[in-house]
């Protein structure tokens, strides 16, 4: 009992912070990128490069495209490129030290452009001309070998149709447009097979999940804005208006892989849903905004459980210190979710922000039956986690190891470690005490001195205390 009390006392007065990670999504950082144009929603997307930095595409204050490379910690804009001819459309790909993206020039048409990783222009090719009455409003990119497939869509109310597939050969010395397939001239079943073969079945075709099902979305008052596939399920978000167009609310549908509705939810009146994504099959994050009485907006990220319950809500104005805001895009990467945000400050200027959210990861405990481990159940990557290993009476700690989800051992300092970007398991084994009375007295003395001294020397004694416990059997 004496050693348990002292350990608790020591944890309370230690310099480490016990992580409180009750939230699923935790804001890691936000960065103001610069002034922007008010209608930036269709043109704002984010990509993550192989080194952990980010590419951000949005509009400048003149409505022209701007491409920025952002540091992984969100502190710096490494470089930015302003497009003098048109605006980007968020289709970005990294390959062999190059960045590929598309932009639309209202006088000449749509282009695929290539930059190096320092933001220097390399070359470009034209995909469509202005006479095609077409530009890249939405789409996806897929790389197969040396061929880049660019699938473009057109949207009519709640229906998103694939329109073109551009086939581009990515040679090191030049770009070559090998073919442009106009999908409206091909049988619908062949279109689906063609796209599935390119995308591996991951391409976005909103209409086929609703077609023939008991989901009445095909009317002028109901608008699907985004789809997200999460394992065996698809989520659709959007907004609806009443017959008079006065009341607006957002909606979210969950469908199984056969197109059957699992559940659907509606937001409060006046809130619109625009984007949906996730890092886990246990929840989805939905972005939207609501109208305020003063005529401005509050942007939100709503987190729904897989059963349709609202788990948490993030007010973007509060999290970035904005007067009015709208989320332009919400995208999930390997271990984070990034939001592009359009903000209106109190001076009436529009600005864009990049906001990064990270998941709290699980802290599991594993013992051999002769003691227990106490710690938080979840922690945010980068935070310091303090744990307590308590042997049963007559036992001492034999070994303590912390491993990440891949089995790699994490560095432990005394009774703490820094949470990696994965789940961890704290493993502890115990041994029988050979001389219990002597050990109890030594334990009491070492722990008391450690608490009284504190600081670096106290930390050294704590580490030595653990070594004594490990070798005393």
Foldseek 3Di string as FASTA:
>chain_A
DLLVVLVVVCVVPAPADAFDAPDFKDWQDKEFDAFFDPPWQLQWDKDADPVQWIWIWTGHNVQWIKIWIADNSRPDTLDMDTDPFFGWGHAWDDDDQKIWTKTAGLQFGIKIWIDGPSRHGDDIDHDDTNVVVDHARDWYWFDDPQWIWTWGWDDDFAFIGTAKIWIWGNDPNDIDTPDIDGPVVDDPVVVQVVVCVRPVNQTDGPPVLAPPDPDPQPDPFHGWAEWDDAVQKIKTKWKGAPPVRPKMKIKMFIAGNNSHTPDMDIDPIFKTWHAWDDQHLQKIWIWIWGADPVGAIWIKIWIATNNGDTDDMDTVCVVVVAPHKGWSYWDDDNFKIKTWMWGQHPVRTIIIMIIIIGGWAAEAEAEPPFWDKDWDGTRTAFGKTFMDTGGHPQKFWADKWKAFPVRHTFDDQLGIGGHHSGYMYIYTYIDGAPDRVVLVVVSSVLSVVLSVVDDPVSSVSSVVSNVCRNPRD
